[in-house]
Amino acid sequence: MIKKQKIILGYYSLGKSKRQLAKELQISRNTVKRYLEEYERLLAHQKENPEFVSSGITAAPQYDSSQRKSQKLSDSAKQLIEKYLSANERKVQNGMRKQQMAGTDIHEALQEAGHQISYSTVNRYIRKIQKRSAEVYIKQRYAPGKAVEFDWGIVKLEINGTIKNVRMAVFTSSYSNHRWAKLFYRENMTSFLQSHVDYFSDIGHVFQEVVYDNMRVAVLKFTRRNADKVPTNALLSLSTYYHFGYRFCNARRGNEKGHVEKSVEFVRRKSFAKNHCFENLEQANKQLEKTCAKINENFIKGQAMNIQQNFQDEIKTMIPAPIFPYDTGEIKSLRVDKFSCVTIDTNQYSVPEGHVGQMLNVKIYSRKIMVYNADNQEIATHIRHHTKFKSYLILDHYLNTFKKKPGAFLGSVSFQQANKKLQEIFKLHFLDAPKNFIELLIFIKKNHYSFKQLQEAISRSIEIRPNHKICLDSLKMMLAQKTKTCPEPPITDAISKQIDNQCALQLASIQNHFFQHKNPTK
């Protein structure tokens, strides 16, 4: 602007030539000529539009950079960007639209590939290929520890070679923007409750309020007005146990919990846009946990502390979580079929012999299944599988039947699903004597010997008599001699007192909750 003023004043007021001005100001004569021509052109239109001409005369010089080429955006960088955009298109076609790489992810990938390029340059090139409209966000202010938002998201993952739709539960603090997420196979009541239990146990504290949309696991009765909506009994019990309030969004108003709406997309993309293939769900959850920890290390613009540090300050305003987590098990009464199994979600789970035809209580969790007899004693525990029409059998549940039917042992599903090393022991030492092997398993089960103790006994037997077959009686004798019982450590007075105090507090809270419901006017 200073040079422009000197050119105009020097030429028109002082009578200097264009050559002299260019020499004094050390700029090109073409530049001097351009400024003078622009000034004369504006003066010619002054009568038509005086305000526009005045602003143009006094405005600072502007440069047209629209035709400027980026030196950092090389052909190899363009090819990589186009490659990632093509991968995004394939994901859309395969139903993985929500796991596309965003501009920031592509920028990070380019930097990892060795391209020193800015984020704005990447975005400009992407906008040339894809036209997108920008969304407007309304800034809100929240009190620390006041509210956390909850939502579900669908993630397509390849688990052990099979593409599956898994559910991701996401919690986002309205104040600190702290994220926490976990994957589940189902979006049912058990997973809903387990996600809350895991979250409160992990952070060790509870927010004053949890915000939900109109999900069926949280809302029992849907109405137009939020005040008339009825929560499910499970949500009532959970909120009473953990002492938090709940709030529902209006119908089709996901923006009312915009933190978690954006978090679901952000966490899913950051966690699984680059890698979506895992051996099991536990491995995927570990990657999700690492990603959330990395996200929480980021800084929010205008704040001196990162998200995790802000969340640690926020925790100071929250109430501690109970010592004992809420029991999320769903109890069902199921009949035992002729294979000594109970069926849950089309899958069969074995129970010990002697219960065929009986109705047994089964407690179903998101990750395990527990079976109880008529005296409420636990008789079987299984890892819960989320497959279809599969059988999951425990060998110990059929030993007495195998004693009567030894010929069925080798081809049985329970043996084929048993420990691989146990199968090897049978094939190496008891293939021609299945009755002895079954008797050995019954002896081990009755006396509570471990598999490691069995391996040690077999090794000692081979050392003593290397050229002879293993003798069943000698194995029993070696196991009996090696076994030692270790008493469980006693519960100290301090721990016992802490447990009693916590139970008393929770009992008083539940009594107050039901008393208020029965006496609303008091």
Protein backbone atom coordinates (compact mmCIF):
# COMPACT_ATOMS: atom_id res chain seq x y z
CA MET A 1 0.00 0.00 0.00
CA ILE A 2 2.92 2.39 0.78
CA LYS A 3 4.48 1.75 -2.62
CA LYS A 4 1.15 2.29 -4.34
CA GLN A 5 0.75 5.65 -2.60
CA LYS A 6 4.31 6.74 -3.55
CA ILE A 7 3.69 5.79 -7.20
CA ILE A 8 0.44 7.81 -7.43
CA LEU A 9 1.78 10.86 -5.56
CA GLY A 10 5.15 10.78 -7.32
CA TYR A 11 3.66 10.57 -10.81
CA TYR A 12 0.73 13.01 -10.51
CA SER A 13 1.93 15.46 -7.82
CA LEU A 14 5.71 15.46 -8.18
CA GLY A 15 5.87 14.82 -11.92
CA LYS A 16 8.27 11.91 -11.72
CA SER A 17 8.56 9.51 -14.64
CA LYS A 18 7.66 5.82 -14.53
CA ARG A 19 11.32 4.89 -15.01
CA GLN A 20 12.39 7.15 -12.11
CA LEU A 21 9.69 5.73 -9.79
CA ALA A 22 10.67 2.15 -10.64
CA LYS A 23 14.31 2.89 -9.89
CA GLU A 24 13.58 4.65 -6.58
CA LEU A 25 11.17 2.00 -5.34
CA GLN A 26 13.24 -0.89 -6.80
CA ILE A 27 10.28 -2.46 -8.58
CA SER A 28 9.49 -3.28 -12.20
CA ARG A 29 8.33 -0.53 -14.58
CA ASN A 30 5.46 -2.86 -15.52
CA THR A 31 4.32 -2.80 -11.91
CA VAL A 32 4.39 1.01 -11.86
CA LYS A 33 2.51 1.08 -15.16
CA ARG A 34 -0.16 -1.37 -13.85
CA TYR A 35 -0.88 0.71 -10.73
CA LEU A 36 -1.18 3.93 -12.74
CA GLU A 37 -3.47 2.31 -15.33
CA GLU A 38 -5.68 0.89 -12.60
CA TYR A 39 -5.89 4.34 -10.95
CA GLU A 40 -6.86 6.04 -14.20
CA ARG A 41 -9.46 3.35 -14.96
CA LEU A 42 -11.12 3.93 -11.57
CA LEU A 43 -11.13 7.70 -12.06
CA ALA A 44 -12.93 7.27 -15.39
CA HIS A 45 -15.89 5.59 -13.60
CA GLN A 46 -15.99 7.93 -10.62
CA LYS A 47 -19.14 9.74 -11.74
CA GLU A 48 -21.07 6.47 -12.20
CA ASN A 49 -20.22 4.93 -8.83
CA PRO A 50 -18.24 7.28 -6.59
CA GLU A 51 -18.35 5.05 -3.45
CA PHE A 52 -16.98 2.01 -5.29
CA VAL A 53 -14.24 4.06 -6.97
CA SER A 54 -13.18 5.70 -3.67
CA SER A 55 -12.84 2.35 -1.93
CA GLY A 56 -10.90 1.00 -4.89
CA ILE A 57 -8.47 3.91 -4.95
CA THR A 58 -7.66 3.61 -1.23
CA ALA A 59 -7.65 -0.23 -1.12
CA ALA A 60 -4.45 -2.20 -0.69
CA PRO A 61 -3.11 -4.07 -3.73
CA GLN A 62 -4.44 -7.61 -4.17
CA TYR A 63 -2.84 -10.46 -6.01
CA ASP A 64 -4.69 -13.10 -7.99
CA SER A 65 -3.36 -16.44 -6.76
CA SER A 66 -6.06 -18.58 -8.38
CA GLN A 67 -3.76 -19.60 -11.23
CA ARG A 68 -0.72 -20.16 -9.02
CA LYS A 69 0.53 -23.74 -9.00
CA SER A 70 1.48 -25.50 -5.76
CA GLN A 71 5.10 -26.56 -5.69
CA LYS A 72 4.52 -29.12 -2.91
CA LEU A 73 1.59 -30.84 -4.65
CA SER A 74 3.63 -33.14 -6.84
CA ASP A 75 2.24 -35.71 -9.26
CA SER A 76 3.03 -38.55 -6.81
CA ALA A 77 1.10 -36.73 -4.05
CA LYS A 78 -1.87 -36.25 -6.40
CA GLN A 79 -1.82 -39.96 -7.25
CA LEU A 80 -1.89 -40.88 -3.56
CA ILE A 81 -4.81 -38.52 -2.89
CA GLU A 82 -6.73 -39.96 -5.83
CA LYS A 83 -5.92 -43.47 -4.60
CA TYR A 84 -7.41 -42.75 -1.16
CA LEU A 85 -10.49 -41.12 -2.72
CA SER A 86 -10.97 -44.19 -4.93
CA ALA A 87 -10.70 -46.40 -1.83
CA ASN A 88 -13.42 -44.25 -0.25
CA GLU A 89 -15.69 -44.88 -3.24
CA ARG A 90 -15.16 -48.64 -2.91
CA LYS A 91 -16.04 -48.44 0.78
CA VAL A 92 -19.29 -46.66 -0.10
CA GLN A 93 -20.14 -49.44 -2.56
CA ASN A 94 -19.40 -52.09 0.12
CA GLY A 95 -21.62 -50.41 2.70
CA MET A 96 -18.71 -48.86 4.64
CA ARG A 97 -19.56 -45.23 3.89
CA LYS A 98 -18.98 -44.14 7.48
CA GLN A 99 -15.42 -45.49 7.48
CA GLN A 100 -14.07 -43.31 4.68
CA MET A 101 -10.83 -41.39 5.09
CA ALA A 102 -11.45 -37.67 5.64
CA GLY A 103 -9.17 -34.89 4.44
CA THR A 104 -7.20 -34.88 7.70
CA ASP A 105 -6.63 -38.65 7.44
CA ILE A 106 -5.38 -38.32 3.86
CA HIS A 107 -3.08 -35.48 4.95
CA GLU A 108 -1.62 -37.65 7.73
CA ALA A 109 -1.12 -40.55 5.30
CA LEU A 110 0.71 -38.26 2.85
CA GLN A 111 3.02 -37.02 5.60
CA GLU A 112 3.74 -40.60 6.64
CA ALA A 113 4.64 -41.31 3.00
CA GLY A 114 7.23 -38.51 3.11
CA HIS A 115 5.30 -35.68 1.40
CA GLN A 116 5.87 -32.32 3.14
CA ILE A 117 2.52 -30.80 2.27
CA SER A 118 0.02 -28.64 4.14
CA TYR A 119 -3.50 -29.67 5.13
CA SER A 120 -5.03 -26.73 3.22
CA THR A 121 -3.26 -27.79 0.01
CA VAL A 122 -4.68 -31.31 0.34
CA ASN A 123 -8.17 -29.94 0.96
CA ARG A 124 -8.01 -27.62 -2.06
CA TYR A 125 -7.11 -30.52 -4.34
CA ILE A 126 -9.88 -32.69 -2.87
CA ARG A 127 -12.42 -29.89 -3.40
CA LYS A 128 -11.49 -29.79 -7.07
CA ILE A 129 -12.60 -33.40 -7.30
CA GLN A 130 -15.48 -33.40 -4.83
CA LYS A 131 -17.86 -30.54 -4.11
CA ARG A 132 -19.12 -30.56 -0.51
CA SER A 133 -21.28 -28.09 1.42
CA ALA A 134 -20.06 -27.00 4.84
CA GLU A 135 -22.23 -27.61 7.91
CA VAL A 136 -22.86 -24.87 10.49
CA TYR A 137 -22.26 -25.71 14.18
CA ILE A 138 -23.61 -23.80 17.19
CA LYS A 139 -21.09 -23.32 19.99
CA GLN A 140 -22.35 -24.34 23.45
CA ARG A 141 -20.90 -24.02 26.94
CA TYR A 142 -21.21 -26.80 29.55
CA ALA A 143 -20.37 -27.13 33.24
CA PRO A 144 -17.67 -29.71 34.17
CA GLY A 145 -19.06 -33.09 35.25
CA LYS A 146 -22.58 -32.07 34.27
CA ALA A 147 -23.36 -34.25 31.26
CA VAL A 148 -22.02 -37.04 29.07
CA GLU A 149 -23.63 -38.01 25.76
CA PHE A 150 -24.18 -41.63 24.68
CA ASP A 151 -24.83 -43.09 21.26
CA TRP A 152 -24.41 -46.21 19.14
CA GLY A 153 -22.58 -46.48 15.84
CA ILE A 154 -22.28 -49.31 13.29
CA VAL A 155 -18.80 -50.44 12.25
CA LYS A 156 -18.08 -52.94 9.47
CA LEU A 157 -15.11 -55.10 10.45
CA GLU A 158 -13.53 -58.25 9.09
CA ILE A 159 -13.42 -60.61 12.08
CA ASN A 160 -11.45 -63.79 11.44
CA GLY A 161 -12.05 -63.51 7.70
CA THR A 162 -15.77 -62.67 7.88
CA ILE A 163 -17.28 -59.21 7.36
CA LYS A 164 -19.53 -58.35 10.32
CA ASN A 165 -21.58 -55.37 11.44
CA VAL A 166 -20.55 -54.67 15.03
CA ARG A 167 -21.90 -51.96 17.33
CA MET A 168 -19.76 -49.26 18.88
CA ALA A 169 -20.92 -47.63 22.12
CA VAL A 170 -19.50 -44.09 22.45
CA PHE A 171 -19.48 -41.74 25.45
CA THR A 172 -18.42 -38.10 24.98
CA SER A 173 -18.10 -35.53 27.76
CA SER A 174 -19.97 -32.33 26.90
CA TYR A 175 -17.40 -30.21 28.80
CA SER A 176 -13.97 -31.67 28.02
CA ASN A 177 -14.89 -33.58 24.81
CA HIS A 178 -13.26 -36.70 26.32
CA ARG A 179 -14.06 -39.82 24.25
CA TRP A 180 -14.51 -43.43 25.33
CA ALA A 181 -15.74 -46.27 23.12
CA LYS A 182 -16.17 -50.05 23.08
CA LEU A 183 -17.34 -52.60 20.51
CA PHE A 184 -20.18 -55.08 21.00
CA TYR A 185 -21.71 -57.66 18.71
CA ARG A 186 -25.28 -56.61 19.50
CA GLU A 187 -27.14 -53.39 20.22
CA ASN A 188 -29.38 -54.93 22.87
CA MET A 189 -30.16 -54.24 26.52
CA THR A 190 -27.30 -56.37 27.84
CA SER A 191 -24.73 -54.52 25.73
CA PHE A 192 -26.33 -51.17 26.62
CA LEU A 193 -25.97 -51.86 30.35
CA GLN A 194 -22.49 -53.38 30.01
CA SER A 195 -21.21 -50.34 28.11
CA HIS A 196 -22.25 -48.07 31.00
CA VAL A 197 -20.74 -50.38 33.61
CA ASP A 198 -17.44 -50.59 31.71
CA TYR A 199 -17.33 -46.82 31.19
CA PHE A 200 -18.02 -45.87 34.81
CA SER A 201 -15.61 -48.55 36.05
CA ASP A 202 -12.90 -47.35 33.66
CA ILE A 203 -13.07 -43.65 34.60
CA GLY A 204 -13.90 -44.42 38.24
CA HIS A 205 -16.57 -41.69 38.45
CA VAL A 206 -20.14 -40.89 37.35
CA PHE A 207 -21.56 -37.84 35.56
CA GLN A 208 -24.61 -35.98 36.87
CA GLU A 209 -26.56 -36.67 33.68
CA VAL A 210 -26.43 -38.96 30.63
CA VAL A 211 -28.02 -37.75 27.38
CA TYR A 212 -29.71 -40.27 25.04
CA ASP A 213 -31.63 -40.18 21.80
CA ASN A 214 -34.84 -42.17 21.38
CA MET A 215 -33.24 -45.64 21.47
CA ARG A 216 -35.52 -48.49 22.51
CA VAL A 217 -33.16 -49.78 25.18
CA ALA A 218 -33.53 -46.43 26.99
CA VAL A 219 -37.09 -45.28 26.19
CA LEU A 220 -40.00 -47.55 27.05
CA LYS A 221 -42.79 -45.22 25.89
CA PHE A 222 -42.31 -42.72 23.05
CA THR A 223 -44.20 -39.42 23.17
CA ARG A 224 -43.95 -36.03 21.50
CA ARG A 225 -42.98 -34.20 24.65
CA ASN A 226 -39.71 -35.25 26.31
CA ALA A 227 -41.25 -34.79 29.75
CA ASP A 228 -43.81 -37.53 28.98
CA LYS A 229 -41.31 -40.14 27.79
CA VAL A 230 -41.04 -43.20 30.03
CA PRO A 231 -37.58 -44.78 30.58
CA THR A 232 -37.09 -48.54 30.57
CA ASN A 233 -36.90 -50.37 33.89
CA ALA A 234 -33.30 -51.29 33.14
CA LEU A 235 -32.33 -47.61 32.71
CA LEU A 236 -34.19 -46.73 35.94
CA SER A 237 -32.31 -49.41 37.88
CA LEU A 238 -28.97 -48.42 36.33
CA SER A 239 -29.45 -44.70 37.07
CA THR A 240 -30.53 -45.48 40.65
CA TYR A 241 -27.48 -47.66 41.25
CA TYR A 242 -24.99 -45.14 39.84
CA HIS A 243 -26.87 -41.98 40.95
CA PHE A 244 -27.09 -40.23 37.58
CA GLY A 245 -29.95 -38.46 35.88
CA TYR A 246 -31.00 -38.96 32.26
CA ARG A 247 -32.29 -36.75 29.47
CA PHE A 248 -33.78 -37.65 26.08
CA CYS A 249 -33.36 -35.69 22.85
CA ASN A 250 -36.33 -34.64 20.76
CA ALA A 251 -37.28 -36.97 17.93
CA ARG A 252 -35.03 -36.64 14.87
CA ARG A 253 -32.88 -34.06 16.63
CA GLY A 254 -29.45 -35.70 16.83
CA ASN A 255 -27.89 -32.22 16.89
CA GLU A 256 -29.12 -31.90 20.49
CA LYS A 257 -26.28 -34.25 21.40
CA GLY A 258 -23.90 -33.08 18.70
CA HIS A 259 -20.76 -33.96 20.65
CA VAL A 260 -21.37 -37.71 20.51
CA GLU A 261 -22.93 -37.59 17.02
CA LYS A 262 -19.65 -36.20 15.71
CA SER A 263 -17.62 -38.46 18.01
CA VAL A 264 -19.13 -41.65 16.59
CA GLU A 265 -18.04 -40.67 13.08
CA PHE A 266 -14.67 -39.32 14.25
CA VAL A 267 -13.70 -42.26 16.48
CA ARG A 268 -14.86 -44.84 13.93
CA ARG A 269 -12.86 -43.19 11.13
CA LYS A 270 -9.70 -42.71 13.19
CA SER A 271 -9.85 -46.29 14.49
CA PHE A 272 -10.86 -48.33 11.45
CA ALA A 273 -10.39 -46.32 8.24
CA LYS A 274 -6.85 -47.67 7.75
CA ASN A 275 -7.26 -51.13 9.26
CA HIS A 276 -10.52 -53.04 9.65
CA CYS A 277 -9.27 -56.66 9.74
CA PHE A 278 -8.87 -58.44 13.10
CA GLU A 279 -8.68 -61.96 14.47
CA ASN A 280 -11.35 -61.32 17.11
CA LEU A 281 -13.39 -58.53 18.68
CA GLU A 282 -10.98 -58.21 21.63
CA GLN A 283 -8.17 -57.28 19.23
CA ALA A 284 -10.40 -54.65 17.59
CA ASN A 285 -11.31 -53.26 21.02
CA LYS A 286 -7.62 -52.89 21.89
CA GLN A 287 -7.04 -50.82 18.75
CA LEU A 288 -10.14 -48.76 19.59
CA GLU A 289 -8.85 -48.14 23.12
CA LYS A 290 -5.45 -46.99 21.83
CA THR A 291 -7.10 -44.67 19.32
CA CYS A 292 -9.31 -43.06 21.97
CA ALA A 293 -6.27 -42.52 24.21
CA LYS A 294 -4.46 -40.84 21.29
CA ILE A 295 -7.49 -38.68 20.47
CA ASN A 296 -7.74 -37.56 24.10
CA GLU A 297 -4.15 -36.28 23.93
CA ASN A 298 -5.16 -33.67 21.35
CA PHE A 299 -5.51 -29.99 22.20
CA ILE A 300 -8.67 -27.98 21.58
CA LYS A 301 -8.03 -24.58 20.01
CA GLY A 302 -7.78 -21.80 22.55
CA GLN A 303 -7.08 -24.11 25.51
CA ALA A 304 -3.74 -24.56 27.25
CA MET A 305 -4.42 -28.17 28.35
CA ASN A 306 -5.25 -31.18 26.22
CA ILE A 307 -8.51 -33.15 26.42
CA GLN A 308 -7.21 -35.71 28.92
CA GLN A 309 -5.91 -33.00 31.25
CA ASN A 310 -9.24 -31.15 31.10
CA PHE A 311 -11.02 -34.43 31.82
CA GLN A 312 -8.87 -35.04 34.90
CA ASP A 313 -9.97 -31.65 36.23
CA GLU A 314 -13.57 -32.49 35.33
CA ILE A 315 -13.40 -35.76 37.30
CA LYS A 316 -12.88 -33.72 40.50
CA THR A 317 -16.46 -32.44 40.18
CA MET A 318 -18.00 -35.92 39.72
CA ILE A 319 -19.13 -38.53 42.25
CA PRO A 320 -17.06 -41.75 42.66
CA ALA A 321 -18.37 -44.93 41.03
CA PRO A 322 -19.51 -47.76 43.34
CA ILE A 323 -16.90 -50.33 44.36
CA PHE A 324 -18.97 -53.20 42.97
CA PRO A 325 -20.16 -52.79 39.36
CA TYR A 326 -23.81 -53.16 38.43
CA ASP A 327 -24.84 -56.71 37.51
CA THR A 328 -25.89 -56.53 33.85
CA GLY A 329 -26.90 -60.17 33.50
CA GLU A 330 -30.28 -60.99 31.93
CA ILE A 331 -31.89 -64.01 33.61
CA LYS A 332 -33.83 -66.51 31.49
CA SER A 333 -35.33 -69.88 32.29
CA LEU A 334 -34.34 -72.36 29.55
CA ARG A 335 -35.01 -76.06 29.03
CA VAL A 336 -32.08 -78.49 28.61
CA ASP A 337 -32.36 -80.48 25.38
CA LYS A 338 -31.40 -84.12 24.72
CA PHE A 339 -27.80 -83.10 23.98
CA SER A 340 -27.55 -81.59 27.48
CA CYS A 341 -27.52 -78.06 26.04
CA VAL A 342 -29.41 -74.80 26.42
CA THR A 343 -30.03 -72.70 23.31
CA ILE A 344 -29.30 -68.95 23.28
CA ASP A 345 -29.63 -66.94 20.05
CA THR A 346 -29.66 -70.19 17.99
CA ASN A 347 -26.36 -71.40 19.56
CA GLN A 348 -26.13 -74.43 21.88
CA TYR A 349 -24.15 -74.33 25.16
CA SER A 350 -23.54 -77.53 27.14
CA VAL A 351 -24.47 -78.12 30.79
CA PRO A 352 -23.35 -81.02 33.04
CA GLU A 353 -25.12 -84.37 32.68
CA GLY A 354 -28.24 -85.12 34.69
CA HIS A 355 -30.31 -82.06 33.68
CA VAL A 356 -31.88 -83.20 30.39
CA GLY A 357 -35.49 -81.98 30.20
CA GLN A 358 -35.15 -79.64 33.21
CA MET A 359 -35.72 -75.88 33.26
CA LEU A 360 -32.56 -74.08 34.42
CA ASN A 361 -31.89 -70.42 35.14
CA VAL A 362 -29.36 -68.89 32.77
CA LYS A 363 -27.76 -65.48 33.32
CA ILE A 364 -26.79 -63.94 29.99
CA TYR A 365 -24.11 -61.26 29.74
CA SER A 366 -22.67 -59.58 26.66
CA ARG A 367 -19.46 -61.64 26.94
CA LYS A 368 -20.35 -64.73 28.99
CA ILE A 369 -23.16 -67.12 29.95
CA MET A 370 -23.68 -68.64 33.41
CA VAL A 371 -25.98 -71.61 34.09
CA TYR A 372 -27.50 -72.38 37.54
CA ASN A 373 -29.23 -75.47 38.90
CA ALA A 374 -32.46 -75.59 40.93
CA ASP A 375 -30.49 -74.66 44.10
CA ASN A 376 -29.07 -71.53 42.37
CA GLN A 377 -25.59 -73.07 42.27
CA GLU A 378 -23.43 -72.24 39.27
CA ILE A 379 -22.90 -75.40 37.23
CA ALA A 380 -21.53 -74.07 33.89
CA THR A 381 -19.88 -70.97 32.46
CA HIS A 382 -19.35 -70.26 28.76
CA ILE A 383 -17.88 -67.47 26.67
CA ARG A 384 -20.79 -66.01 24.75
CA HIS A 385 -20.44 -66.47 21.00
CA HIS A 386 -22.25 -64.33 18.44
CA THR A 387 -22.53 -66.87 15.65
CA LYS A 388 -25.54 -68.74 14.25
CA PHE A 389 -26.54 -72.38 14.82
CA LYS A 390 -23.23 -73.44 16.39
CA SER A 391 -22.58 -75.76 19.34
CA TYR A 392 -20.12 -74.97 22.14
CA LEU A 393 -19.57 -78.02 24.29
CA ILE A 394 -17.32 -78.70 27.29
CA LEU A 395 -15.80 -82.20 27.45
CA ASP A 396 -16.18 -82.49 31.24
CA HIS A 397 -19.96 -82.21 30.91
CA TYR A 398 -20.18 -85.63 29.17
CA LEU A 399 -17.63 -87.85 30.96
CA ASN A 400 -20.12 -90.18 32.68
CA THR A 401 -21.95 -90.68 29.38
CA PHE A 402 -18.66 -91.42 27.61
CA LYS A 403 -17.91 -94.01 30.29
CA LYS A 404 -21.03 -95.85 29.13
CA LYS A 405 -20.41 -95.10 25.43
CA PRO A 406 -16.62 -95.03 24.90
CA GLY A 407 -16.98 -95.70 21.18
CA ALA A 408 -18.59 -92.28 20.71
CA PHE A 409 -15.67 -90.43 22.34
CA LEU A 410 -13.30 -89.90 19.40
CA GLY A 411 -15.95 -88.57 17.00
CA SER A 412 -17.76 -86.40 19.52
CA VAL A 413 -18.02 -82.63 19.03
CA SER A 414 -17.08 -82.05 22.67
CA PHE A 415 -13.75 -83.88 22.17
CA GLN A 416 -13.08 -82.05 18.88
CA GLN A 417 -13.59 -78.73 20.71
CA ALA A 418 -11.40 -79.74 23.65
CA ASN A 419 -7.90 -78.47 24.37
CA LYS A 420 -5.62 -79.33 21.42
CA LYS A 421 -2.86 -80.53 23.73
CA LEU A 422 -5.35 -82.79 25.52
CA GLN A 423 -6.31 -84.27 22.15
CA GLU A 424 -2.63 -84.92 21.44
CA ILE A 425 -2.23 -86.75 24.78
CA PHE A 426 -5.17 -89.00 23.87
CA LYS A 427 -3.86 -89.78 20.38
CA LEU A 428 -0.29 -90.45 21.61
CA HIS A 429 -1.00 -92.55 24.71
CA PHE A 430 -4.68 -93.65 24.87
CA LEU A 431 -5.87 -94.11 21.29
CA ASP A 432 -6.29 -97.86 21.78
CA ALA A 433 -7.68 -97.47 25.32
CA PRO A 434 -10.35 -94.71 25.35
CA LYS A 435 -11.90 -96.13 28.56
CA ASN A 436 -8.67 -95.49 30.48
CA PHE A 437 -8.51 -91.92 29.17
CA ILE A 438 -12.12 -91.26 30.15
CA GLU A 439 -11.46 -92.70 33.62
CA LEU A 440 -8.38 -90.47 33.90
CA LEU A 441 -10.46 -87.37 33.01
CA ILE A 442 -13.09 -88.32 35.60
CA PHE A 443 -10.35 -88.73 38.23
CA ILE A 444 -8.87 -85.31 37.33
CA LYS A 445 -12.27 -83.61 37.45
CA LYS A 446 -13.21 -85.20 40.78
CA ASN A 447 -9.96 -84.14 42.47
CA HIS A 448 -9.69 -80.74 40.75
CA TYR A 449 -6.28 -81.35 39.16
CA SER A 450 -5.04 -78.85 36.59
CA PHE A 451 -3.98 -79.62 33.03
CA LYS A 452 -0.44 -78.54 33.91
CA GLN A 453 -0.32 -81.15 36.69
CA LEU A 454 -1.44 -83.80 34.20
CA GLN A 455 1.34 -82.81 31.79
CA GLU A 456 3.93 -83.01 34.57
CA ALA A 457 2.71 -86.45 35.64
CA ILE A 458 2.91 -87.75 32.06
CA SER A 459 6.44 -86.35 31.66
CA ARG A 460 7.61 -88.05 34.89
CA SER A 461 6.01 -91.33 33.83
CA ILE A 462 7.86 -91.22 30.49
CA GLU A 463 11.16 -90.45 32.27
CA ILE A 464 10.74 -93.38 34.66
CA ARG A 465 9.63 -95.90 32.01
CA PRO A 466 10.63 -94.50 28.58
CA ASN A 467 9.99 -97.71 26.65
CA HIS A 468 6.62 -98.57 28.17
CA LYS A 469 3.07 -97.37 27.70
CA ILE A 470 1.72 -94.96 30.28
CA CYS A 471 -0.03 -96.73 33.14
CA LEU A 472 -3.29 -95.21 34.38
CA ASP A 473 -2.69 -96.22 38.02
CA SER A 474 0.83 -94.73 38.03
CA LEU A 475 -0.55 -91.44 36.67
CA LYS A 476 -3.16 -91.32 39.42
CA MET A 477 -0.50 -91.96 42.03
CA MET A 478 1.80 -89.24 40.69
CA LEU A 479 -1.05 -86.72 40.58
CA ALA A 480 -2.07 -87.53 44.16
CA GLN A 481 1.50 -87.12 45.46
CA LYS A 482 2.06 -83.79 43.69
CA THR A 483 -1.14 -82.03 44.74
CA LYS A 484 -1.01 -79.40 47.45
CA THR A 485 -3.81 -77.07 48.40
CA CYS A 486 -3.16 -73.41 49.09
CA PRO A 487 -5.58 -71.58 51.41
CA GLU A 488 -7.19 -68.40 50.07
CA PRO A 489 -5.94 -65.14 51.61
CA PRO A 490 -8.32 -63.85 54.29
CA ILE A 491 -10.28 -60.61 53.92
CA THR A 492 -8.80 -57.98 56.21
CA ASP A 493 -10.87 -55.91 58.65
CA ALA A 494 -10.23 -52.74 56.63
CA ILE A 495 -11.55 -54.28 53.41
CA SER A 496 -14.55 -55.79 55.24
CA LYS A 497 -15.41 -52.42 56.78
CA GLN A 498 -15.12 -50.68 53.40
CA ILE A 499 -17.46 -53.23 51.81
CA ASP A 500 -20.04 -52.81 54.61
CA ASN A 501 -20.00 -49.02 54.31
CA GLN A 502 -20.42 -49.08 50.53
CA CYS A 503 -23.33 -51.55 50.75
CA ALA A 504 -25.04 -49.39 53.40
CA LEU A 505 -24.74 -46.25 51.23
CA GLN A 506 -26.15 -47.98 48.16
CA LEU A 507 -29.01 -49.53 50.14
CA ALA A 508 -29.95 -46.14 51.64
CA SER A 509 -29.90 -44.54 48.18
CA ILE A 510 -32.22 -47.18 46.74
CA GLN A 511 -34.62 -46.85 49.69
CA ASN A 512 -34.76 -43.07 49.25
CA HIS A 513 -35.40 -43.47 45.51
CA PHE A 514 -38.41 -45.76 45.99
CA PHE A 515 -39.71 -43.72 48.94
CA GLN A 516 -39.82 -40.58 46.76
CA HIS A 517 -41.73 -42.43 44.04
CA LYS A 518 -44.29 -43.69 46.57
CA ASN A 519 -44.65 -40.27 48.26
CA PRO A 520 -44.27 -37.67 45.47
CA THR A 521 -45.77 -34.82 47.54
CA LYS A 522 -43.23 -35.15 50.37
